Amino acid sequence: MKIAITIWGNRISPVFDAAHTLLTAQVENRMILNKTYEPFDPDSPQELIRILNRMEVTTLICGAISTKPADFIVENDIKLISFVTGNALDFLDSFATRQTIKKINMMPGCSIDYCCRQKSKRCLGLP
């Protein structure tokens, strides 16, 4: 699975619109095979989708995100896990090995069913 995380400094960007960098990682057998950083413009969802597709990213992880860009991402077959917080590299290590999100990385009021969006009804059960 290939994931991307919107980052701000060394943290998951608390707000999607404030991020200008993606941390991407290839995760296989619960191990991170490689990590790269990619600039992006959060004001251009079409360009973000082109970047994610070019990099073969299947899941985007971010902090708070408004409905319009969230819906656009999901409509373009990218699994979206939003309202996530914490140090980006620590989160990536934990997510890769556990394949779930720790409660400490969920923003207040978030539950995995609400914060994880994709075209199908459930987001748990990551590949």
Protein backbone atom coordinates (compact mmCIF):
# COMPACT_ATOMS: atom_id res chain seq x y z
CA MET A 1 0.00 0.00 0.00
CA LYS A 2 1.24 3.50 -0.72
CA ILE A 3 0.13 6.28 1.61
CA ALA A 4 0.57 10.04 1.71
CA ILE A 5 0.44 12.26 4.79
CA THR A 6 0.01 16.03 4.63
CA ILE A 7 2.72 17.54 6.79
CA TRP A 8 3.56 20.88 8.35
CA GLY A 9 7.04 20.95 9.81
CA ASN A 10 7.51 17.54 11.43
CA ARG A 11 3.81 17.07 12.25
CA ILE A 12 0.70 15.95 10.43
CA SER A 13 -0.69 19.26 9.24
CA PRO A 14 -3.52 20.20 11.64
CA VAL A 15 -5.42 21.73 8.72
CA PHE A 16 -5.31 20.34 5.17
CA ASP A 17 -5.32 23.85 3.65
CA ALA A 18 -2.12 24.78 5.54
CA ALA A 19 -0.05 21.86 4.24
CA HIS A 20 2.21 22.23 1.23
CA THR A 21 4.15 18.98 1.55
CA LEU A 22 3.22 15.31 1.31
CA LEU A 23 5.18 12.59 3.06
CA THR A 24 4.65 9.47 0.96
CA ALA A 25 5.58 5.96 1.99
CA GLN A 26 5.40 2.49 0.52
CA VAL A 27 4.23 0.06 3.19
CA GLU A 28 4.46 -3.69 2.64
CA ASN A 29 4.25 -6.48 5.20
CA ARG A 30 3.89 -3.85 7.93
CA MET A 31 7.27 -2.32 7.01
CA ILE A 32 8.09 1.04 5.48
CA LEU A 33 10.10 0.41 2.33
CA ASN A 34 10.75 4.02 1.38
CA LYS A 35 9.73 7.58 2.18
CA THR A 36 9.70 10.65 -0.05
CA TYR A 37 8.56 14.25 0.27
CA GLU A 38 6.54 15.93 -2.46
CA PRO A 39 5.35 19.56 -2.64
CA PHE A 40 1.70 20.20 -3.48
CA ASP A 41 -0.80 23.06 -3.57
CA PRO A 42 -3.79 22.42 -1.27
CA ASP A 43 -5.79 25.00 -3.23
CA SER A 44 -5.62 22.80 -6.34
CA PRO A 45 -7.34 19.50 -5.60
CA GLN A 46 -7.04 18.47 -9.26
CA GLU A 47 -3.25 18.79 -9.10
CA LEU A 48 -3.19 16.86 -5.82
CA ILE A 49 -5.11 14.00 -7.45
CA ARG A 50 -2.64 13.99 -10.39
CA ILE A 51 0.28 13.80 -7.93
CA LEU A 52 -1.36 11.01 -5.89
CA ASN A 53 -2.20 9.01 -9.02
CA ARG A 54 1.30 9.49 -10.48
CA MET A 55 2.81 8.27 -7.22
CA GLU A 56 0.25 5.41 -7.00
CA VAL A 57 -0.97 6.58 -3.57
CA THR A 58 -4.14 4.81 -2.44
CA THR A 59 -4.62 6.46 0.98
CA LEU A 60 -4.29 10.10 2.03
CA ILE A 61 -3.95 10.93 5.73
CA CYS A 62 -4.44 14.50 6.96
CA GLY A 63 -5.68 16.69 9.78
CA ALA A 64 -8.89 18.68 9.56
CA ILE A 65 -10.27 19.00 6.04
CA SER A 66 -13.41 20.67 4.75
CA THR A 67 -16.12 18.75 2.97
CA LYS A 68 -15.51 19.96 -0.59
CA PRO A 69 -11.87 18.82 -0.94
CA ALA A 70 -12.61 15.68 1.11
CA ASP A 71 -15.44 14.69 -1.23
CA PHE A 72 -13.28 15.41 -4.28
CA ILE A 73 -10.49 13.17 -3.00
CA VAL A 74 -12.88 10.30 -2.25
CA GLU A 75 -14.68 10.72 -5.61
CA ASN A 76 -11.31 10.14 -7.25
CA ASP A 77 -10.89 6.75 -5.56
CA ILE A 78 -8.41 7.83 -2.88
CA LYS A 79 -9.14 6.56 0.63
CA LEU A 80 -9.13 9.56 2.98
CA ILE A 81 -8.32 9.32 6.67
CA SER A 82 -8.76 12.77 8.15
CA PHE A 83 -8.71 14.46 11.56
CA VAL A 84 -5.41 12.78 12.43
CA THR A 85 -2.75 14.51 14.54
CA GLY A 86 0.77 13.96 15.82
CA ASN A 87 4.39 13.72 14.77
CA ALA A 88 4.32 12.55 11.14
CA LEU A 89 7.20 10.06 11.32
CA ASP A 90 6.04 8.57 14.64
CA PHE A 91 2.53 8.22 13.23
CA LEU A 92 3.85 6.61 10.04
CA ASP A 93 5.87 4.04 11.99
CA SER A 94 2.88 3.17 14.17
CA PHE A 95 0.41 3.08 11.28
CA ALA A 96 2.67 0.87 9.18
CA THR A 97 3.16 -1.73 11.89
CA ARG A 98 -0.33 -1.67 13.46
CA GLN A 99 -2.44 -0.90 10.34
CA THR A 100 -4.74 1.09 12.63
CA ILE A 101 -4.78 4.56 14.15
CA LYS A 102 -4.05 4.97 17.83
CA LYS A 103 -6.62 6.96 19.80
CA ILE A 104 -3.89 9.48 20.70
CA ASN A 105 -3.58 10.34 16.98
CA MET A 106 -7.29 11.10 16.54
CA MET A 107 -8.40 14.70 16.87
CA PRO A 108 -11.07 15.35 19.54
CA GLY A 109 -14.51 14.20 18.43
CA CYS A 110 -13.09 11.85 15.82
CA SER A 111 -13.98 8.20 15.48
CA ILE A 112 -12.49 5.97 12.80
CA ASP A 113 -15.90 5.57 11.13
CA TYR A 114 -16.29 9.33 10.79
CA CYS A 115 -12.71 10.21 9.97
CA CYS A 116 -12.07 7.51 7.40
CA ARG A 117 -13.82 8.05 4.10
CA GLN A 118 -13.92 6.08 0.90
CA LYS A 119 -16.51 5.17 -1.69
CA SER A 120 -17.48 2.00 0.15
CA LYS A 121 -19.06 2.22 3.59
CA ARG A 122 -16.15 0.97 5.77
CA CYS A 123 -12.55 2.07 5.98
CA LEU A 124 -11.23 -0.35 8.57
CA GLY A 125 -9.50 -3.39 7.21
CA LEU A 126 -6.64 -1.69 5.43
CA PRO A 127 -4.87 -3.81 2.82
